[in-house]
Protein backbone atom coordinates (compact mmCIF):
# COMPACT_ATOMS: atom_id res chain seq x y z
CA UNK A 1 5.30 153.28 -108.81
CA UNK A 2 5.41 150.95 -111.78
CA UNK A 3 4.91 153.57 -114.46
CA UNK A 4 8.03 154.67 -116.27
CA UNK A 5 8.80 158.37 -116.08
CA UNK A 6 9.47 159.45 -119.68
CA UNK A 7 10.03 163.14 -118.96
CA UNK A 8 13.44 164.66 -119.67
CA UNK A 9 15.81 163.89 -116.81
CA UNK A 10 17.66 167.17 -116.42
CA UNK A 11 20.10 167.78 -113.59
CA UNK A 12 18.42 169.47 -110.65
CA UNK A 13 19.26 173.09 -109.98
CA UNK A 14 20.28 174.31 -106.54
CA UNK A 15 16.83 175.97 -106.21
CA UNK A 16 15.09 172.66 -107.03
CA UNK A 17 17.24 170.74 -104.53
CA UNK A 18 16.50 173.36 -101.88
CA UNK A 19 12.78 173.11 -102.65
CA UNK A 20 12.84 169.30 -102.30
CA UNK A 21 14.53 169.57 -98.88
CA UNK A 22 11.90 172.07 -97.71
CA UNK A 23 9.10 170.00 -99.27
CA UNK A 24 10.13 167.00 -97.14
CA UNK A 25 10.34 169.11 -93.97
CA UNK A 26 6.93 170.70 -94.61
CA UNK A 27 5.02 167.40 -94.91
CA UNK A 28 4.86 167.65 -98.71
CA UNK A 29 2.58 170.68 -98.60
CA UNK A 30 3.11 172.40 -101.94
CA UNK A 31 1.97 175.92 -100.98
CA UNK A 32 3.95 175.94 -97.75
CA UNK A 33 7.11 174.65 -99.42
CA UNK A 34 6.77 177.09 -102.34
CA UNK A 35 6.38 180.00 -99.95
CA UNK A 36 9.40 179.04 -97.86
CA UNK A 37 11.52 178.32 -100.95
CA UNK A 38 10.40 181.64 -102.43
CA UNK A 39 9.06 180.16 -105.66
CA UNK A 40 5.61 180.32 -107.23
CA UNK A 41 3.29 177.35 -107.50
CA UNK A 42 3.59 177.84 -111.25
CA UNK A 43 7.35 177.28 -111.06
CA UNK A 44 6.76 174.13 -109.00
CA UNK A 45 4.35 172.71 -111.59
CA UNK A 46 6.66 173.71 -114.45
CA UNK A 47 9.50 171.79 -112.77
CA UNK A 48 7.20 168.88 -111.99
CA UNK A 49 5.92 168.59 -115.55
CA UNK A 50 9.24 169.28 -117.25
CA UNK A 51 11.86 167.32 -115.33
CA UNK A 52 11.66 163.62 -114.55
CA UNK A 53 14.33 163.86 -111.83
CA UNK A 54 12.39 166.58 -110.03
CA UNK A 55 9.18 164.55 -110.29
CA UNK A 56 11.03 161.52 -108.92
CA UNK A 57 12.23 163.64 -105.98
CA UNK A 58 8.68 164.86 -105.26
CA UNK A 59 7.29 161.32 -105.47
CA UNK A 60 10.04 159.97 -103.19
CA UNK A 61 9.30 162.68 -100.62
CA UNK A 62 5.58 161.85 -100.73
CA UNK A 63 6.26 158.12 -100.27
CA UNK A 64 8.58 158.87 -97.35
CA UNK A 65 5.86 161.00 -95.72
CA UNK A 66 3.27 158.24 -96.24
CA UNK A 67 5.65 155.73 -94.64
CA UNK A 68 6.09 158.08 -91.69
CA UNK A 69 2.31 158.44 -91.27
CA UNK A 70 1.80 154.71 -91.48
CA UNK A 71 4.47 154.15 -88.82
CA UNK A 72 2.70 156.65 -86.54
CA UNK A 73 -0.61 154.81 -86.93
CA UNK A 74 1.09 151.51 -86.12
CA UNK A 75 2.68 153.07 -83.03
CA UNK A 76 -0.75 154.27 -81.86
CA UNK A 77 -2.26 150.84 -82.56
CA UNK A 78 0.28 149.17 -80.29
CA UNK A 79 -0.19 151.54 -77.36
CA UNK A 80 -2.09 149.96 -74.48
CA UNK A 81 -2.82 150.83 -70.88
CA UNK A 82 -3.76 147.99 -68.53
CA UNK A 83 -4.18 145.73 -71.56
CA UNK A 84 -6.69 148.05 -73.27
CA UNK A 85 -5.92 149.81 -76.53
CA UNK A 86 -5.58 153.53 -75.89
CA UNK A 87 -6.27 154.54 -79.51
CA UNK A 88 -8.96 152.24 -80.96
CA UNK A 89 -9.62 154.82 -83.69
CA UNK A 90 -6.11 154.13 -85.04
CA UNK A 91 -6.98 150.46 -85.35
CA UNK A 92 -10.26 151.29 -87.09
CA UNK A 93 -8.46 153.63 -89.49
CA UNK A 94 -5.85 150.97 -90.24
CA UNK A 95 -8.55 148.40 -90.92
CA UNK A 96 -10.49 150.74 -93.23
CA UNK A 97 -7.43 151.73 -95.24
CA UNK A 98 -5.14 148.70 -95.21
CA UNK A 99 -7.66 145.86 -94.88
CA UNK A 100 -10.19 146.99 -97.49
CA UNK A 101 -9.68 143.80 -99.45
CA UNK A 102 -10.80 141.86 -96.37
CA UNK A 103 -14.10 143.74 -96.06
CA UNK A 104 -13.16 146.48 -93.59
CA UNK A 105 -13.47 149.45 -95.96
CA UNK A 106 -16.17 152.09 -96.00
CA UNK A 107 -17.20 151.23 -99.55
CA UNK A 108 -18.27 147.98 -101.09
CA UNK A 109 -17.31 147.32 -104.69
CA UNK A 110 -19.43 144.95 -106.71
CA UNK A 111 -18.08 143.66 -109.99
CA UNK A 112 -20.30 142.17 -112.65
CA UNK A 113 -19.46 140.55 -115.93
CA UNK A 114 -21.94 139.70 -118.63
CA UNK A 115 -24.85 141.60 -120.02
CA UNK A 116 -27.55 143.51 -118.22
CA UNK A 117 -31.05 143.66 -119.53
CA UNK A 118 -34.15 145.22 -118.06
CA UNK A 119 -32.18 146.77 -115.24
CA UNK A 120 -33.61 149.62 -113.22
CA UNK A 121 -31.65 151.58 -110.64
CA UNK A 122 -33.43 153.72 -108.10
CA UNK A 123 -31.73 156.12 -105.73
CA UNK A 124 -33.73 156.58 -102.58
CA UNK A 125 -33.00 159.29 -100.04
CA UNK A 126 -32.81 157.81 -96.58
CA UNK A 127 -35.14 159.28 -93.99
CA UNK A 128 -33.69 160.53 -90.74
CA UNK A 129 -34.56 158.50 -87.70
CA UNK A 130 -35.75 160.41 -84.68
């Protein structure tokens, strides 16, 4: 989070603080937290767009939840039974998301510098194998 938050930094109201507590407990699900805090989604977005401190609280809660999820994946990756990984899908997921720069991602990014001339791009629909 390198960008500087230039929104007004108003003190948080009791309702906003309550919402942030619920937001954390409800896995940062906006609709669920709004419903439990008895506020509209519109109020949430008004607070988010109008108060830098509230936005910081939302972003901190989201980062905390991401850290929690990452820790759970790492826990699954370490679990073995008789020397065999019990959750190989966790390892694959980790590789695809955290090791993209080492070639384990689902997408390949090709960067080109310079000019292109006489370039033709064709998109071909793959045929299903039977």
